[in-house]
Protein backbone atom coordinates (compact mmCIF):
# COMPACT_ATOMS: atom_id res chain seq x y z
CA UNK A 1 41.33 -4.78 10.52
CA UNK A 2 38.17 -3.01 9.27
CA UNK A 3 36.88 0.31 10.51
CA UNK A 4 33.36 1.83 9.77
CA UNK A 5 33.09 5.47 10.16
CA UNK A 6 29.35 5.66 9.26
CA UNK A 7 26.10 4.05 8.91
CA UNK A 8 25.27 2.69 5.37
CA UNK A 9 21.90 4.14 4.02
CA UNK A 10 20.53 2.93 0.51
CA UNK A 11 20.67 5.51 -2.13
CA UNK A 12 17.60 7.66 -2.88
CA UNK A 13 15.10 5.68 -4.93
CA UNK A 14 11.85 6.70 -6.40
CA UNK A 15 9.05 4.63 -4.92
CA UNK A 16 8.22 1.45 -6.69
CA UNK A 17 4.68 -0.23 -5.54
CA UNK A 18 3.48 -3.79 -6.07
CA UNK A 19 0.00 -4.71 -5.08
CA UNK A 20 -1.08 -8.36 -3.71
CA UNK A 21 -4.66 -9.33 -3.22
CA UNK A 22 -6.43 -11.94 -1.14
CA UNK A 23 -10.25 -12.51 -0.85
CA UNK A 24 -11.59 -14.35 2.29
CA UNK A 25 -15.57 -14.60 2.06
CA UNK A 26 -16.78 -11.04 3.09
CA UNK A 27 -13.35 -9.64 3.75
CA UNK A 28 -10.97 -8.51 1.20
CA UNK A 29 -7.48 -7.90 2.00
CA UNK A 30 -5.20 -5.66 -0.27
CA UNK A 31 -1.59 -5.88 0.67
CA UNK A 32 0.89 -3.17 -1.15
CA UNK A 33 4.49 -3.52 -0.77
CA UNK A 34 6.29 -0.37 -1.54
CA UNK A 35 9.99 0.19 -1.83
CA UNK A 36 11.75 3.42 -1.85
CA UNK A 37 13.95 5.65 0.03
CA UNK A 38 13.49 7.85 1.59
CA UNK A 39 10.50 5.97 2.90
CA UNK A 40 7.30 6.71 0.88
CA UNK A 41 4.09 8.19 2.20
CA UNK A 42 1.59 5.62 1.59
CA UNK A 43 -2.27 6.12 0.72
CA UNK A 44 -5.20 4.34 -0.41
CA UNK A 45 -7.92 5.56 -2.88
CA UNK A 46 -11.30 4.44 -4.09
CA UNK A 47 -12.67 5.28 -7.33
CA UNK A 48 -16.41 4.47 -7.31
CA UNK A 49 -18.07 3.08 -10.26
CA UNK A 50 -20.75 5.91 -10.14
CA UNK A 51 -18.33 8.60 -9.49
CA UNK A 52 -15.15 10.22 -11.02
CA UNK A 53 -12.00 11.14 -9.04
CA UNK A 54 -10.16 9.69 -6.17
CA UNK A 55 -11.75 9.25 -2.77
CA UNK A 56 -9.27 8.82 -0.03
CA UNK A 57 -9.67 5.63 1.83
CA UNK A 58 -9.53 6.02 5.61
CA UNK A 59 -9.23 3.81 8.56
CA UNK A 60 -12.93 3.36 9.83
CA UNK A 61 -15.44 0.98 10.68
CA UNK A 62 -15.66 -0.22 7.01
CA UNK A 63 -11.77 -0.26 6.38
CA UNK A 64 -8.85 -1.35 8.23
CA UNK A 65 -5.50 0.16 7.20
CA UNK A 66 -2.13 -0.72 8.77
CA UNK A 67 1.60 -1.20 8.11
CA UNK A 68 2.61 -4.85 8.48
CA UNK A 69 5.46 -4.99 10.74
CA UNK A 70 6.23 -8.58 9.91
CA UNK A 71 5.27 -10.67 6.78
CA UNK A 72 6.89 -13.80 7.43
CA UNK A 73 10.25 -12.66 5.89
CA UNK A 74 12.92 -10.08 6.65
CA UNK A 75 12.31 -6.75 5.01
CA UNK A 76 15.10 -4.51 3.53
CA UNK A 77 15.42 -0.99 4.58
CA UNK A 78 13.67 0.27 1.75
CA UNK A 79 10.57 -2.18 1.78
CA UNK A 80 7.25 -1.16 3.59
CA UNK A 81 4.17 -3.49 3.28
CA UNK A 82 0.84 -1.97 3.95
CA UNK A 83 -2.50 -3.65 4.16
CA UNK A 84 -6.37 -2.41 3.66
CA UNK A 85 -8.94 -4.85 4.62
CA UNK A 86 -12.47 -4.00 3.45
CA UNK A 87 -14.88 -5.35 5.78
CA UNK A 88 -18.18 -7.02 4.77
CA UNK A 89 -17.91 -6.31 1.24
CA UNK A 90 -20.87 -5.01 -0.74
CA UNK A 91 -21.93 -3.69 -3.95
CA UNK A 92 -20.99 -0.12 -3.09
CA UNK A 93 -17.42 -1.25 -2.29
CA UNK A 94 -16.93 -2.49 -5.82
CA UNK A 95 -14.75 -0.20 -8.07
CA UNK A 96 -10.97 0.46 -8.44
CA UNK A 97 -8.70 0.80 -5.49
CA UNK A 98 -5.39 2.51 -5.50
CA UNK A 99 -2.25 1.93 -3.53
CA UNK A 100 -0.03 4.92 -3.96
CA UNK A 101 3.67 5.42 -2.77
CA UNK A 102 5.23 9.03 -2.75
CA UNK A 103 8.44 10.31 -1.45
CA UNK A 104 10.66 13.41 -2.53
CA UNK A 105 11.80 11.64 -5.94
CA UNK A 106 8.36 10.52 -7.25
CA UNK A 107 5.21 8.68 -7.09
CA UNK A 108 4.18 5.03 -8.03
CA UNK A 109 0.87 3.69 -7.85
CA UNK A 110 -1.06 0.37 -8.74
CA UNK A 111 -4.79 -0.41 -9.30
CA UNK A 112 -6.95 -3.33 -8.21
CA UNK A 113 -10.50 -3.83 -9.08
CA UNK A 114 -13.00 -5.17 -6.75
CA UNK A 115 -16.21 -6.43 -8.35
CA UNK A 116 -19.00 -8.91 -7.58
């Protein structure tokens, strides 16, 4: 007979970020899969073509940012899907977007270029 004395948790791991992109007419959906333990804190940034530095992207009337609770598959305890939708994409939305995941062990990020 087997006896379990505690809950199994994954070993600590540095975040690993993968970015997927889908475009539907005037909407751009960027989906970021982040794997890490403890759960990474996720952030989206925009680097405008005419500016230098990172500008945080926030959930507002132009951007819809949320965590996907179901993506048609079963996620492991160390995987989280995040989505950013840019509504009515225009020239001032062009540039580089960054999805960044950070936990106590480190940071990983990926970039995606939006252009017209």
